[in-house]
C-alpha atoms as a PDB file:
ATOM      1  CA  MET A   1      10.629 -12.183   4.421  1.00  0.00           C
ATOM      2  CA  GLN A   2      10.014  -9.860   7.292  1.00  0.00           C
ATOM      3  CA  VAL A   3       6.517  -8.458   7.912  1.00  0.00           C
ATOM      4  CA  VAL A   4       6.558  -4.818   9.029  1.00  0.00           C
ATOM      5  CA  GLU A   5       3.712  -2.462   9.897  1.00  0.00           C
ATOM      6  CA  ALA A   6       3.958   0.581   7.637  1.00  0.00           C
ATOM      7  CA  LYS A   7       4.919   3.836   9.311  1.00  0.00           C
ATOM      8  CA  ASN A   8       5.098   7.331   7.878  1.00  0.00           C
ATOM      9  CA  ASP A   9       8.440   8.139   6.172  1.00  0.00           C
ATOM     10  CA  LEU A  10       9.617   4.517   6.402  1.00  0.00           C
ATOM     11  CA  GLN A  11      12.308   3.768   3.800  1.00  0.00           C
ATOM     12  CA  LEU A  12      11.328   0.841   1.551  1.00  0.00           C
ATOM     13  CA  SER A  13      13.555  -2.220   1.701  1.00  0.00           C
ATOM     14  CA  ALA A  14      13.768  -5.360  -0.406  1.00  0.00           C
ATOM     15  CA  ASN A  15      12.287  -8.630   0.876  1.00  0.00           C
ATOM     16  CA  GLN A  16       9.830  -6.983   3.264  1.00  0.00           C
ATOM     17  CA  ILE A  17       6.051  -7.173   3.450  1.00  0.00           C
ATOM     18  CA  TYR A  18       4.372  -3.956   4.598  1.00  0.00           C
ATOM     19  CA  THR A  19       0.964  -4.041   6.288  1.00  0.00           C
ATOM     20  CA  LEU A  20      -1.208  -0.966   6.754  1.00  0.00           C
ATOM     21  CA  PRO A  21      -2.613   0.224  10.068  1.00  0.00           C
ATOM     22  CA  ALA A  22      -6.405   0.456  10.174  1.00  0.00           C
ATOM     23  CA  SER A  23      -8.001   3.469   8.460  1.00  0.00           C
ATOM     24  CA  LYS A  24      -4.806   4.400   6.603  1.00  0.00           C
ATOM     25  CA  LEU A  25      -3.809   4.464   2.957  1.00  0.00           C
ATOM     26  CA  MET A  26      -0.253   4.391   1.710  1.00  0.00           C
ATOM     27  CA  GLU A  27       1.615   6.382  -0.903  1.00  0.00           C
ATOM     28  CA  VAL A  28       5.158   5.720  -2.074  1.00  0.00           C
ATOM     29  CA  ARG A  29       7.243   8.806  -2.812  1.00  0.00           C
ATOM     30  CA  ASN A  30      10.995   8.824  -3.329  1.00  0.00           C
ATOM     31  CA  GLY A  31      11.323   5.287  -1.969  1.00  0.00           C
ATOM     32  CA  LYS A  32       9.515   6.067   1.296  1.00  0.00           C
ATOM     33  CA  LEU A  33       6.094   5.166   2.624  1.00  0.00           C
ATOM     34  CA  HIS A  34       3.694   7.980   3.412  1.00  0.00           C
ATOM     35  CA  LEU A  35       0.525   7.145   5.334  1.00  0.00           C
ATOM     36  CA  ILE A  36      -2.622   9.142   4.749  1.00  0.00           C
ATOM     37  CA  THR A  37      -6.116   9.081   6.183  1.00  0.00           C
ATOM     38  CA  ARG A  38      -8.586   9.535   3.369  1.00  0.00           C
ATOM     39  CA  PRO A  39     -10.783   7.291   1.272  1.00  0.00           C
ATOM     40  CA  ALA A  40      -9.251   6.106  -1.988  1.00  0.00           C
ATOM     41  CA  VAL A  41     -11.578   6.139  -4.953  1.00  0.00           C
ATOM     42  CA  GLY A  42     -11.258   5.584  -8.647  1.00  0.00           C
ATOM     43  CA  SER A  43      -7.760   4.551  -9.713  1.00  0.00           C
ATOM     44  CA  ASP A  44      -5.784   5.699  -6.609  1.00  0.00           C
ATOM     45  CA  GLY A  45      -4.932   2.120  -5.647  1.00  0.00           C
ATOM     46  CA  ALA A  46      -3.962   1.144  -9.192  1.00  0.00           C
ATOM     47  CA  GLU A  47      -1.628   4.142  -9.405  1.00  0.00           C
ATOM     48  CA  GLY A  48       0.045   3.167  -6.122  1.00  0.00           C
ATOM     49  CA  ILE A  49       0.575  -0.395  -7.326  1.00  0.00           C
ATOM     50  CA  LYS A  50       2.159   0.905 -10.535  1.00  0.00           C
ATOM     51  CA  VAL A  51       4.616   3.122  -8.607  1.00  0.00           C
ATOM     52  CA  LEU A  52       5.485   0.327  -6.196  1.00  0.00           C
ATOM     53  CA  LYS A  53       6.209  -2.054  -9.069  1.00  0.00           C
ATOM     54  CA  GLU A  54       8.131   0.425 -11.271  1.00  0.00           C
ATOM     55  CA  GLU A  55      10.169   2.233  -8.588  1.00  0.00           C
ATOM     56  CA  CYS A  56      10.732  -0.551  -6.100  1.00  0.00           C
ATOM     57  CA  GLY A  57      10.119  -3.831  -7.949  1.00  0.00           C
ATOM     58  CA  GLY A  58       7.460  -4.621  -5.335  1.00  0.00           C
ATOM     59  CA  THR A  59       4.554  -7.030  -5.372  1.00  0.00           C
ATOM     60  CA  THR A  60       1.075  -6.279  -4.044  1.00  0.00           C
ATOM     61  CA  MET A  61      -1.877  -8.366  -2.906  1.00  0.00           C
ATOM     62  CA  ALA A  62      -5.545  -7.552  -2.399  1.00  0.00           C
ATOM     63  CA  GLN A  63      -8.351  -9.392  -0.717  1.00  0.00           C
ATOM     64  CA  LYS A  64     -11.446 -10.626  -2.515  1.00  0.00           C
ATOM     65  CA  PRO A  65     -13.943  -7.778  -2.920  1.00  0.00           C
ATOM     66  CA  SER A  66     -16.662  -9.907  -1.309  1.00  0.00           C
ATOM     67  CA  THR A  67     -14.645 -10.078   1.936  1.00  0.00           C
ATOM     68  CA  ALA A  68     -13.597  -6.403   2.045  1.00  0.00           C
ATOM     69  CA  GLN A  69     -15.236  -3.930   4.411  1.00  0.00           C
ATOM     70  CA  VAL A  70     -15.795  -1.695   1.377  1.00  0.00           C
ATOM     71  CA  GLU A  71     -16.256  -3.894  -1.690  1.00  0.00           C
ATOM     72  CA  SER A  72     -14.813  -1.297  -4.105  1.00  0.00           C
ATOM     73  CA  MET A  73     -11.573  -1.068  -2.040  1.00  0.00           C
ATOM     74  CA  PRO A  74     -10.323  -4.651  -1.449  1.00  0.00           C
END
């Protein structure tokens, strides 16, 4: 698999791993990545994972909360 840094309006492709630039969050709309700068709270991350799985068949990973800069957003 190829590892690619996410960029705004990047078309999703199979067998790729997307990493986020610092201080960015990612949304998936119409098969494209959209980067945003804002804190995610509540279920924002869970909703993004659901869309990624349902629309693209993707897999996600998260770090352990104890190692995250913000424990509620691993």
